[in-house]
Amino acid sequence: MGFAPNSPNEAQELEIKGLEKIRKGLLYLTVLLPLIIAGDFLIFKAYIYKISGEVGGLMLFTAFMLSIIALILFFIHMEYSVIMSKEKH
């Protein structure tokens, strides 16, 4: 047996919840994950090729900044989600 909503309003709420999950997943895939991967790539490249000096420092600084940007975007998204959920109720 499949799940059937009891009313049109319930069906609409389920659809909205599904769309919110898709939007959150797309945010992770398109913004946060590439920033984190780029930062990790710079760290591993600096480590593997033993890049030191100004170039190595710049690579590590860039990786650190990418991770900070990813965290800031994540927290902004979470705050936005909390605000939007409070407005609905």
Protein backbone atom coordinates (compact mmCIF):
# COMPACT_ATOMS: atom_id res chain seq x y z
CA MET A 1 0.00 0.00 0.00
CA GLY A 2 1.23 3.47 -0.80
CA PHE A 3 1.00 6.55 1.31
CA ALA A 4 -1.92 8.83 0.46
CA PRO A 5 -2.35 12.26 2.03
CA ASN A 6 -5.61 12.86 3.85
CA SER A 7 -6.26 16.30 2.41
CA PRO A 8 -5.04 18.60 -0.36
CA ASN A 9 -3.36 20.82 2.25
CA GLU A 10 -1.39 17.87 3.60
CA ALA A 11 -0.31 16.97 0.06
CA GLN A 12 0.85 20.53 -0.49
CA GLU A 13 2.82 20.52 2.79
CA LEU A 14 4.52 17.26 1.84
CA GLU A 15 5.45 18.71 -1.55
CA ILE A 16 6.91 21.83 0.08
CA LYS A 17 8.96 19.71 2.51
CA GLY A 18 10.28 17.66 -0.40
CA LEU A 19 11.25 20.78 -2.33
CA GLU A 20 13.04 22.17 0.74
CA LYS A 21 15.08 18.97 1.05
CA ILE A 22 16.00 19.15 -2.65
CA ARG A 23 17.02 22.81 -2.28
CA LYS A 24 19.19 21.99 0.74
CA GLY A 25 20.82 19.09 -1.10
CA LEU A 26 21.55 21.29 -4.11
CA LEU A 27 23.14 23.88 -1.84
CA TYR A 28 25.46 21.25 -0.40
CA LEU A 29 26.36 19.85 -3.82
CA THR A 30 26.83 23.11 -5.68
CA VAL A 31 28.34 25.43 -3.07
CA LEU A 32 29.70 23.80 0.05
CA LEU A 33 31.14 20.57 -1.32
CA PRO A 34 33.20 22.19 -4.13
CA LEU A 35 34.61 24.76 -1.70
CA ILE A 36 35.65 22.04 0.75
CA ILE A 37 37.09 19.85 -2.04
CA ALA A 38 39.04 22.79 -3.48
CA GLY A 39 40.48 23.57 -0.06
CA ASP A 40 41.47 19.94 0.54
CA PHE A 41 43.01 19.74 -2.93
CA LEU A 42 45.22 22.75 -2.21
CA ILE A 43 46.32 21.29 1.12
CA PHE A 44 47.17 17.88 -0.39
CA LYS A 45 48.95 19.45 -3.35
CA ALA A 46 51.08 21.58 -1.05
CA TYR A 47 51.86 18.50 1.07
CA ILE A 48 52.58 16.06 -1.78
CA TYR A 49 54.81 18.39 -3.77
CA LYS A 50 56.38 19.75 -0.57
CA ILE A 51 55.65 23.30 -1.65
CA SER A 52 56.98 25.67 0.95
CA GLY A 53 57.74 29.32 1.27
CA GLU A 54 55.38 32.00 0.05
CA VAL A 55 53.61 29.79 -2.49
CA GLY A 56 52.91 27.03 0.02
CA GLY A 57 51.74 29.54 2.58
CA LEU A 58 49.46 31.17 0.03
CA MET A 59 47.99 27.77 -0.94
CA LEU A 60 47.29 26.89 2.68
CA PHE A 61 45.84 30.33 3.36
CA THR A 62 43.56 29.98 0.32
CA ALA A 63 42.43 26.53 1.47
CA PHE A 64 41.70 27.93 4.92
CA MET A 65 39.71 30.83 3.46
CA LEU A 66 37.69 28.47 1.24
CA SER A 67 36.73 26.40 4.27
CA ILE A 68 35.77 29.54 6.20
CA ILE A 69 33.59 30.71 3.29
CA ALA A 70 31.93 27.28 3.16
CA LEU A 71 31.20 27.45 6.90
CA ILE A 72 29.79 30.98 6.64
CA LEU A 73 27.52 29.97 3.77
CA PHE A 74 26.38 26.91 5.71
CA PHE A 75 25.48 28.98 8.78
CA ILE A 76 23.68 31.59 6.65
CA HIS A 77 21.69 28.80 5.03
CA MET A 78 20.81 27.28 8.41
CA GLU A 79 19.69 30.66 9.80
CA TYR A 80 17.61 31.26 6.67
CA SER A 81 16.00 27.83 7.07
CA VAL A 82 15.13 28.53 10.71
CA ILE A 83 13.65 31.94 9.84
CA MET A 84 11.60 30.49 6.96
CA SER A 85 10.27 27.65 9.14
CA LYS A 86 9.20 30.13 11.83
CA GLU A 87 7.35 32.26 9.26
CA LYS A 88 5.33 29.26 8.06
CA HIS A 89 3.96 28.50 11.54
